[in-house]
Amino acid sequence: MGLTLHYRLTAPADVTARSAATLVRRLHATAGKFATAGRVDEVLPISSDRPDLDRFAHAWRALPHPSDPDTCVGVQIPATAGWIFPVELGDDCELLWLGLCRYPARIVRDERPLATRLSPRWQFAGFCKTQYASLHGWDHFARCHTAVVDLLRAASPLGLRVKINDEGGYWPHRRLPLLRERLNQMNGIVAALAGAVKDATDETGGPPVQSPIFAHPRFEQFEAEGLAAQPAHVRAAVDLLRSSAPGPL
């Protein structure tokens, strides 16, 4: 849980493997300019190693849960080839992974072929949670969040199609006031839920609860605001955790 940007980069249909590698190198150079300008902390090297692709470049397909049609399970789809690199945006912000990969048309699941529903184009989809950059203040958070958007948008002049889903509401109209409002709302929700779960486990001797939100200098304020805004939802979430936890909660 946390305020996140979701994105997808897609190359034109005629892009070859060699051209895809060149596009990633150009995007890497663009990201390097962001680092030089102080917009991001560091840009790490490009990798096409199998372990890195398996860990950071897999795609997903959602399938109905076999015993609960109202929920889904995620199926990992490994990349067959690709080039990826991470960008360190700032303290307590998730890495932003960028690149281009290709994926199989089918995989084997439970000894049966499963269509991946992915096009043969070079592409890359990912997400970056920026919320906990706010542990270091609004300015630091805004720097990280807007850098994600601007880096992704910088892929467009290179010929890539860019799709961004911004939970913070900053993109596409670059609305900083809305981003700040949604950040405060999400911090309130997370603080209220984390605080309620911690209180419940402390009372019953359950396992300790850990969350980055506890380190926020405004944690108590956010917790109070979150509880006041959605008391029923917080209570329902704690009750759900109580019913599903294997031990005391």
C-alpha atoms as a PDB file:
ATOM      1  CA  MET A   1       0.000   0.000   0.000  1.00  0.00           C
ATOM      2  CA  GLY A   2       1.253   3.468  -0.846  1.00  0.00           C
ATOM      3  CA  LEU A   3       0.999   6.210  -3.420  1.00  0.00           C
ATOM      4  CA  THR A   4       2.409   4.782  -6.640  1.00  0.00           C
ATOM      5  CA  LEU A   5       2.984   5.574 -10.313  1.00  0.00           C
ATOM      6  CA  HIS A   6       2.282   2.780 -12.811  1.00  0.00           C
ATOM      7  CA  TYR A   7       3.683   2.987 -16.323  1.00  0.00           C
ATOM      8  CA  ARG A   8       4.301   1.224 -19.623  1.00  0.00           C
ATOM      9  CA  LEU A   9       6.820   1.937 -22.379  1.00  0.00           C
ATOM     10  CA  THR A  10       6.178   0.454 -25.830  1.00  0.00           C
ATOM     11  CA  ALA A  11       8.412   0.614 -28.901  1.00  0.00           C
ATOM     12  CA  PRO A  12       7.116   0.821 -32.486  1.00  0.00           C
ATOM     13  CA  ALA A  13       6.364  -2.485 -34.180  1.00  0.00           C
ATOM     14  CA  ASP A  14       9.380  -2.303 -36.513  1.00  0.00           C
ATOM     15  CA  VAL A  15      11.966  -1.898 -33.746  1.00  0.00           C
ATOM     16  CA  THR A  16      14.573  -4.662 -33.838  1.00  0.00           C
ATOM     17  CA  ALA A  17      16.605  -6.014 -30.933  1.00  0.00           C
ATOM     18  CA  ARG A  18      19.553  -3.861 -31.978  1.00  0.00           C
ATOM     19  CA  SER A  19      17.363  -0.765 -32.191  1.00  0.00           C
ATOM     20  CA  ALA A  20      15.780  -1.556 -28.815  1.00  0.00           C
ATOM     21  CA  ALA A  21      19.216  -1.708 -27.206  1.00  0.00           C
ATOM     22  CA  THR A  22      20.062   1.668 -28.761  1.00  0.00           C
ATOM     23  CA  LEU A  23      16.829   3.186 -27.457  1.00  0.00           C
ATOM     24  CA  VAL A  24      17.603   1.986 -23.931  1.00  0.00           C
ATOM     25  CA  ARG A  25      21.118   3.448 -24.135  1.00  0.00           C
ATOM     26  CA  ARG A  26      19.636   6.778 -25.230  1.00  0.00           C
ATOM     27  CA  LEU A  27      17.112   6.690 -22.386  1.00  0.00           C
ATOM     28  CA  HIS A  28      19.941   5.847 -19.979  1.00  0.00           C
ATOM     29  CA  ALA A  29      21.882   8.879 -21.224  1.00  0.00           C
ATOM     30  CA  THR A  30      18.815  11.056 -20.724  1.00  0.00           C
ATOM     31  CA  ALA A  31      18.448   9.777 -17.178  1.00  0.00           C
ATOM     32  CA  GLY A  32      22.115  10.611 -16.622  1.00  0.00           C
ATOM     33  CA  LYS A  33      21.345  14.233 -17.456  1.00  0.00           C
ATOM     34  CA  PHE A  34      18.679  14.198 -14.744  1.00  0.00           C
ATOM     35  CA  ALA A  35      21.329  13.019 -12.270  1.00  0.00           C
ATOM     36  CA  THR A  36      23.757  15.719 -13.385  1.00  0.00           C
ATOM     37  CA  ALA A  37      21.038  18.332 -12.906  1.00  0.00           C
ATOM     38  CA  GLY A  38      20.259  17.026  -9.390  1.00  0.00           C
ATOM     39  CA  ARG A  39      16.782  15.779 -10.317  1.00  0.00           C
ATOM     40  CA  VAL A  40      17.639  12.204  -9.259  1.00  0.00           C
ATOM     41  CA  ASP A  41      20.372  10.756  -7.066  1.00  0.00           C
ATOM     42  CA  GLU A  42      22.008   8.195  -9.354  1.00  0.00           C
ATOM     43  CA  VAL A  43      21.529   6.203 -12.551  1.00  0.00           C
ATOM     44  CA  LEU A  44      22.905   2.671 -12.387  1.00  0.00           C
ATOM     45  CA  PRO A  45      24.273   0.634 -15.312  1.00  0.00           C
ATOM     46  CA  ILE A  46      22.205  -1.129 -17.961  1.00  0.00           C
ATOM     47  CA  SER A  47      21.835  -4.877 -17.526  1.00  0.00           C
ATOM     48  CA  SER A  48      20.680  -7.706 -19.764  1.00  0.00           C
ATOM     49  CA  ASP A  49      21.733 -10.440 -17.347  1.00  0.00           C
ATOM     50  CA  ARG A  50      19.256 -13.267 -16.844  1.00  0.00           C
ATOM     51  CA  PRO A  51      19.031 -12.918 -13.033  1.00  0.00           C
ATOM     52  CA  ASP A  52      18.239  -9.194 -13.336  1.00  0.00           C
ATOM     53  CA  LEU A  53      15.619  -9.770 -16.020  1.00  0.00           C
ATOM     54  CA  ASP A  54      14.017 -12.556 -13.989  1.00  0.00           C
ATOM     55  CA  ARG A  55      13.873 -10.395 -10.882  1.00  0.00           C
ATOM     56  CA  PHE A  56      13.034  -6.942 -12.214  1.00  0.00           C
ATOM     57  CA  ALA A  57      11.633  -7.306 -15.743  1.00  0.00           C
ATOM     58  CA  HIS A  58       8.912  -9.949 -15.532  1.00  0.00           C
ATOM     59  CA  ALA A  59       5.416  -9.062 -16.691  1.00  0.00           C
ATOM     60  CA  TRP A  60       2.162 -10.230 -15.126  1.00  0.00           C
ATOM     61  CA  ARG A  61      -1.153 -11.657 -16.156  1.00  0.00           C
ATOM     62  CA  ALA A  62      -4.081 -11.699 -13.715  1.00  0.00           C
ATOM     63  CA  LEU A  63      -6.215 -14.834 -13.536  1.00  0.00           C
ATOM     64  CA  PRO A  64      -9.335 -15.604 -11.479  1.00  0.00           C
ATOM     65  CA  HIS A  65      -8.555 -17.358  -8.218  1.00  0.00           C
ATOM     66  CA  PRO A  66      -9.548 -21.045  -8.588  1.00  0.00           C
ATOM     67  CA  SER A  67     -11.557 -21.049  -5.364  1.00  0.00           C
ATOM     68  CA  ASP A  68     -12.681 -17.418  -5.231  1.00  0.00           C
ATOM     69  CA  PRO A  69     -13.921 -15.885  -8.498  1.00  0.00           C
ATOM     70  CA  ASP A  70     -14.069 -12.417  -6.921  1.00  0.00           C
ATOM     71  CA  THR A  71     -10.285 -12.281  -6.491  1.00  0.00           C
ATOM     72  CA  CYS A  72      -7.328 -12.735  -8.828  1.00  0.00           C
ATOM     73  CA  VAL A  73      -3.928 -14.342  -8.742  1.00  0.00           C
ATOM     74  CA  GLY A  74      -0.921 -12.963 -10.570  1.00  0.00           C
ATOM     75  CA  VAL A  75       1.070 -15.098 -12.992  1.00  0.00           C
ATOM     76  CA  GLN A  76       4.657 -14.058 -13.692  1.00  0.00           C
ATOM     77  CA  ILE A  77       5.740 -13.862 -17.329  1.00  0.00           C
ATOM     78  CA  PRO A  78       9.538 -13.888 -17.724  1.00  0.00           C
ATOM     79  CA  ALA A  79      11.200 -11.705 -20.323  1.00  0.00           C
ATOM     80  CA  THR A  80      12.880 -13.591 -23.147  1.00  0.00           C
ATOM     81  CA  ALA A  81      15.394 -10.766 -23.666  1.00  0.00           C
ATOM     82  CA  GLY A  82      15.863  -7.150 -22.763  1.00  0.00           C
ATOM     83  CA  TRP A  83      17.870  -4.287 -21.380  1.00  0.00           C
ATOM     84  CA  ILE A  84      16.924  -2.582 -18.115  1.00  0.00           C
ATOM     85  CA  PHE A  85      18.421  -0.126 -15.639  1.00  0.00           C
ATOM     86  CA  PRO A  86      17.415   1.373 -12.276  1.00  0.00           C
ATOM     87  CA  VAL A  87      17.292   5.017 -11.251  1.00  0.00           C
ATOM     88  CA  GLU A  88      17.817   5.978  -7.606  1.00  0.00           C
ATOM     89  CA  LEU A  89      15.384   8.858  -7.178  1.00  0.00           C
ATOM     90  CA  GLY A  90      15.988   9.810  -3.546  1.00  0.00           C
ATOM     91  CA  ASP A  91      15.891   8.612   0.048  1.00  0.00           C
ATOM     92  CA  ASP A  92      12.989   6.247   0.878  1.00  0.00           C
ATOM     93  CA  CYS A  93      11.643   6.292  -2.682  1.00  0.00           C
ATOM     94  CA  GLU A  94      11.492   3.039  -4.615  1.00  0.00           C
ATOM     95  CA  LEU A  95      13.845   2.515  -7.530  1.00  0.00           C
ATOM     96  CA  LEU A  96      12.497   3.445 -10.951  1.00  0.00           C
ATOM     97  CA  TRP A  97      13.257   0.648 -13.415  1.00  0.00           C
ATOM     98  CA  LEU A  98      13.363   1.543 -17.105  1.00  0.00           C
ATOM     99  CA  GLY A  99      14.142  -0.419 -20.241  1.00  0.00           C
ATOM    100  CA  LEU A 100      12.716  -2.532 -23.044  1.00  0.00           C
ATOM    101  CA  CYS A 101      12.052  -6.280 -23.101  1.00  0.00           C
ATOM    102  CA  ARG A 102      10.304  -8.920 -25.159  1.00  0.00           C
ATOM    103  CA  TYR A 103       7.950 -11.521 -23.749  1.00  0.00           C
ATOM    104  CA  PRO A 104       6.694 -14.901 -24.971  1.00  0.00           C
ATOM    105  CA  ALA A 105       3.284 -15.306 -26.559  1.00  0.00           C
ATOM    106  CA  ARG A 106       2.635 -18.320 -24.304  1.00  0.00           C
ATOM    107  CA  ILE A 107       3.946 -19.829 -21.108  1.00  0.00           C
ATOM    108  CA  VAL A 108       3.249 -23.157 -19.414  1.00  0.00           C
ATOM    109  CA  ARG A 109       1.171 -23.033 -16.245  1.00  0.00           C
ATOM    110  CA  ASP A 110      -0.054 -26.127 -14.435  1.00  0.00           C
ATOM    111  CA  GLU A 111       1.232 -28.176 -17.387  1.00  0.00           C
ATOM    112  CA  ARG A 112      -1.007 -26.244 -19.787  1.00  0.00           C
ATOM    113  CA  PRO A 113      -0.190 -23.506 -22.300  1.00  0.00           C
ATOM    114  CA  LEU A 114      -1.352 -20.055 -21.236  1.00  0.00           C
ATOM    115  CA  ALA A 115      -1.532 -17.075 -23.582  1.00  0.00           C
ATOM    116  CA  THR A 116       0.311 -14.100 -22.112  1.00  0.00           C
ATOM    117  CA  ARG A 117      -1.741 -11.571 -24.105  1.00  0.00           C
ATOM    118  CA  LEU A 118       1.400  -9.510 -24.616  1.00  0.00           C
ATOM    119  CA  SER A 119       2.283  -8.098 -28.008  1.00  0.00           C
ATOM    120  CA  PRO A 120       5.598  -9.069 -29.661  1.00  0.00           C
ATOM    121  CA  ARG A 121       6.781  -5.465 -29.445  1.00  0.00           C
ATOM    122  CA  TRP A 122       9.657  -4.383 -27.245  1.00  0.00           C
ATOM    123  CA  GLN A 123       8.074  -3.016 -24.097  1.00  0.00           C
ATOM    124  CA  PHE A 124       8.431  -2.554 -20.364  1.00  0.00           C
ATOM    125  CA  ALA A 125       5.870  -2.024 -17.611  1.00  0.00           C
ATOM    126  CA  GLY A 126       6.484  -1.244 -13.977  1.00  0.00           C
ATOM    127  CA  PHE A 127       5.558   0.820 -10.983  1.00  0.00           C
ATOM    128  CA  CYS A 128       7.330   3.103  -8.533  1.00  0.00           C
ATOM    129  CA  LYS A 129       6.057   3.843  -5.034  1.00  0.00           C
ATOM    130  CA  THR A 130       7.040   7.390  -4.113  1.00  0.00           C
ATOM    131  CA  GLN A 131       4.981   7.886  -0.943  1.00  0.00           C
ATOM    132  CA  TYR A 132       7.666   7.261   1.644  1.00  0.00           C
ATOM    133  CA  ALA A 133       9.952   9.873   0.129  1.00  0.00           C
ATOM    134  CA  SER A 134       7.623  12.162   2.112  1.00  0.00           C
ATOM    135  CA  LEU A 135       9.398  11.013   5.287  1.00  0.00           C
ATOM    136  CA  HIS A 136      11.896  13.705   4.295  1.00  0.00           C
ATOM    137  CA  GLY A 137       9.382  16.449   3.626  1.00  0.00           C
ATOM    138  CA  TRP A 138       7.176  17.690   0.828  1.00  0.00           C
ATOM    139  CA  ASP A 139       9.985  19.161  -1.295  1.00  0.00           C
ATOM    140  CA  HIS A 140      11.914  15.901  -1.348  1.00  0.00           C
ATOM    141  CA  PHE A 141       8.785  13.908  -2.166  1.00  0.00           C
ATOM    142  CA  ALA A 142       7.747  16.301  -4.953  1.00  0.00           C
ATOM    143  CA  ARG A 143      11.234  16.121  -6.447  1.00  0.00           C
ATOM    144  CA  CYS A 144      11.099  12.321  -6.564  1.00  0.00           C
ATOM    145  CA  HIS A 145       7.526  12.070  -7.839  1.00  0.00           C
ATOM    146  CA  THR A 146       7.856  14.654 -10.589  1.00  0.00           C
ATOM    147  CA  ALA A 147      11.202  13.178 -11.666  1.00  0.00           C
ATOM    148  CA  VAL A 148       9.454   9.855 -12.343  1.00  0.00           C
ATOM    149  CA  VAL A 149       6.920  11.561 -14.596  1.00  0.00           C
ATOM    150  CA  ASP A 150       9.516  13.654 -16.399  1.00  0.00           C
ATOM    151  CA  LEU A 151      11.847  10.702 -16.964  1.00  0.00           C
ATOM    152  CA  LEU A 152       9.014   8.645 -18.394  1.00  0.00           C
ATOM    153  CA  ARG A 153       7.915  11.518 -20.595  1.00  0.00           C
ATOM    154  CA  ALA A 154      11.496  11.847 -21.843  1.00  0.00           C
ATOM    155  CA  ALA A 155      11.063   8.445 -23.477  1.00  0.00           C
ATOM    156  CA  SER A 156       8.414   9.844 -25.819  1.00  0.00           C
ATOM    157  CA  PRO A 157      10.761  11.951 -28.021  1.00  0.00           C
ATOM    158  CA  LEU A 158      12.858   8.808 -28.468  1.00  0.00           C
ATOM    159  CA  GLY A 159       9.904   7.212 -30.267  1.00  0.00           C
ATOM    160  CA  LEU A 160       8.430   5.207 -27.418  1.00  0.00           C
ATOM    161  CA  ARG A 161       4.752   5.224 -26.532  1.00  0.00           C
ATOM    162  CA  VAL A 162       4.416   6.179 -22.870  1.00  0.00           C
ATOM    163  CA  LYS A 163       1.441   5.405 -20.648  1.00  0.00           C
ATOM    164  CA  ILE A 164       1.364   6.725 -17.068  1.00  0.00           C
ATOM    165  CA  ASN A 165      -1.192   6.092 -14.345  1.00  0.00           C
ATOM    166  CA  ASP A 166      -0.449   8.488 -11.492  1.00  0.00           C
ATOM    167  CA  GLU A 167      -2.276   7.699  -8.248  1.00  0.00           C
ATOM    168  CA  GLY A 168      -1.158  11.090  -6.962  1.00  0.00           C
ATOM    169  CA  GLY A 169      -3.078  12.982  -9.636  1.00  0.00           C
ATOM    170  CA  TYR A 170      -0.050  15.066 -10.628  1.00  0.00           C
ATOM    171  CA  TRP A 171       0.016  13.742 -14.188  1.00  0.00           C
ATOM    172  CA  PRO A 172      -1.268  14.547 -16.821  1.00  0.00           C
ATOM    173  CA  HIS A 173      -2.033  18.145 -15.826  1.00  0.00           C
ATOM    174  CA  ARG A 174       0.961  18.600 -13.482  1.00  0.00           C
ATOM    175  CA  ARG A 175      -1.265  19.514 -10.548  1.00  0.00           C
ATOM    176  CA  LEU A 176       1.045  19.864  -7.548  1.00  0.00           C
ATOM    177  CA  PRO A 177      -1.754  20.966  -5.149  1.00  0.00           C
ATOM    178  CA  LEU A 178      -3.726  17.801  -5.964  1.00  0.00           C
ATOM    179  CA  LEU A 179      -0.591  15.686  -5.531  1.00  0.00           C
ATOM    180  CA  ARG A 180      -0.031  17.171  -2.087  1.00  0.00           C
ATOM    181  CA  GLU A 181      -3.672  16.592  -1.127  1.00  0.00           C
ATOM    182  CA  ARG A 182      -3.594  12.957  -2.223  1.00  0.00           C
ATOM    183  CA  LEU A 183      -0.254  12.385  -0.514  1.00  0.00           C
ATOM    184  CA  ASN A 184      -1.678  13.637   2.776  1.00  0.00           C
ATOM    185  CA  GLN A 185      -4.773  11.472   2.306  1.00  0.00           C
ATOM    186  CA  MET A 186      -2.705   8.360   1.617  1.00  0.00           C
ATOM    187  CA  ASN A 187      -0.370   9.063   4.530  1.00  0.00           C
ATOM    188  CA  GLY A 188      -3.472   9.352   6.714  1.00  0.00           C
ATOM    189  CA  ILE A 189      -4.915   6.049   5.489  1.00  0.00           C
ATOM    190  CA  VAL A 190      -1.640   4.173   5.919  1.00  0.00           C
ATOM    191  CA  ALA A 191      -0.906   5.735   9.320  1.00  0.00           C
ATOM    192  CA  ALA A 192      -4.394   4.960  10.635  1.00  0.00           C
ATOM    193  CA  LEU A 193      -4.279   1.361   9.431  1.00  0.00           C
ATOM    194  CA  ALA A 194      -0.713   0.740  10.620  1.00  0.00           C
ATOM    195  CA  GLY A 195      -1.474   2.305  14.000  1.00  0.00           C
ATOM    196  CA  ALA A 196      -4.667   0.302  14.459  1.00  0.00           C
ATOM    197  CA  VAL A 197      -2.976  -2.977  13.545  1.00  0.00           C
ATOM    198  CA  LYS A 198      -0.045  -2.212  15.844  1.00  0.00           C
ATOM    199  CA  ASP A 199      -2.411  -1.465  18.740  1.00  0.00           C
ATOM    200  CA  ALA A 200      -4.283  -4.704  18.116  1.00  0.00           C
ATOM    201  CA  THR A 201      -1.128  -6.838  18.007  1.00  0.00           C
ATOM    202  CA  ASP A 202       0.337  -5.110  21.061  1.00  0.00           C
ATOM    203  CA  GLU A 203      -2.808  -5.905  23.021  1.00  0.00           C
ATOM    204  CA  THR A 204      -2.822  -9.580  22.087  1.00  0.00           C
ATOM    205  CA  GLY A 205       0.907 -10.258  22.004  1.00  0.00           C
ATOM    206  CA  GLY A 206       1.023 -10.772  18.254  1.00  0.00           C
ATOM    207  CA  PRO A 207       4.080 -10.254  16.055  1.00  0.00           C
ATOM    208  CA  PRO A 208       5.476  -6.694  15.919  1.00  0.00           C
ATOM    209  CA  VAL A 209       4.094  -4.448  13.172  1.00  0.00           C
ATOM    210  CA  GLN A 210       6.560  -2.577  11.001  1.00  0.00           C
ATOM    211  CA  SER A 211       5.845   0.165   8.481  1.00  0.00           C
ATOM    212  CA  PRO A 212       7.860   3.088   7.069  1.00  0.00           C
ATOM    213  CA  ILE A 213       4.996   5.403   8.037  1.00  0.00           C
ATOM    214  CA  PHE A 214       5.942   5.062  11.727  1.00  0.00           C
ATOM    215  CA  ALA A 215       9.087   7.085  10.965  1.00  0.00           C
ATOM    216  CA  HIS A 216       7.151  10.017   9.514  1.00  0.00           C
ATOM    217  CA  PRO A 217       7.603  13.118  11.684  1.00  0.00           C
ATOM    218  CA  ARG A 218       3.866  13.812  11.334  1.00  0.00           C
ATOM    219  CA  PHE A 219       2.768  10.226  11.995  1.00  0.00           C
ATOM    220  CA  GLU A 220       0.443  10.997  14.925  1.00  0.00           C
ATOM    221  CA  GLN A 221      -1.256  13.805  13.020  1.00  0.00           C
ATOM    222  CA  PHE A 222      -1.756  11.608   9.952  1.00  0.00           C
ATOM    223  CA  GLU A 223      -3.004   8.739  12.113  1.00  0.00           C
ATOM    224  CA  ALA A 224      -5.641  10.963  13.722  1.00  0.00           C
ATOM    225  CA  GLU A 225      -6.720  12.399  10.374  1.00  0.00           C
ATOM    226  CA  GLY A 226      -6.958   8.953   8.790  1.00  0.00           C
ATOM    227  CA  LEU A 227      -9.040   7.566  11.638  1.00  0.00           C
ATOM    228  CA  ALA A 228     -11.356  10.557  11.538  1.00  0.00           C
ATOM    229  CA  ALA A 229     -11.794  10.287   7.760  1.00  0.00           C
ATOM    230  CA  GLN A 230     -12.437   6.530   7.474  1.00  0.00           C
ATOM    231  CA  PRO A 231     -13.023   4.898  10.859  1.00  0.00           C
ATOM    232  CA  ALA A 232     -15.246   2.130   9.472  1.00  0.00           C
ATOM    233  CA  HIS A 233     -12.740   1.156   6.783  1.00  0.00           C
ATOM    234  CA  VAL A 234      -9.885   0.996   9.286  1.00  0.00           C
ATOM    235  CA  ARG A 235     -11.937  -1.132  11.664  1.00  0.00           C
ATOM    236  CA  ALA A 236     -13.003  -3.457   8.839  1.00  0.00           C
ATOM    237  CA  ALA A 237      -9.393  -3.873   7.703  1.00  0.00           C
ATOM    238  CA  VAL A 238      -8.255  -4.773  11.225  1.00  0.00           C
ATOM    239  CA  ASP A 239     -11.144  -7.238  11.611  1.00  0.00           C
ATOM    240  CA  LEU A 240     -10.189  -8.845   8.283  1.00  0.00           C
ATOM    241  CA  LEU A 241      -6.594  -9.222   9.425  1.00  0.00           C
ATOM    242  CA  ARG A 242      -7.788 -10.726  12.702  1.00  0.00           C
ATOM    243  CA  SER A 243      -9.846 -13.329  10.887  1.00  0.00           C
ATOM    244  CA  SER A 244      -7.079 -14.290   8.446  1.00  0.00           C
ATOM    245  CA  ALA A 245      -4.026 -14.135  10.707  1.00  0.00           C
ATOM    246  CA  PRO A 246      -2.497 -17.531  11.559  1.00  0.00           C
ATOM    247  CA  GLY A 247      -1.665 -16.398  15.095  1.00  0.00           C
ATOM    248  CA  PRO A 248      -3.002 -13.923  17.652  1.00  0.00           C
ATOM    249  CA  LEU A 249      -3.919 -10.466  16.406  1.00  0.00           C
END
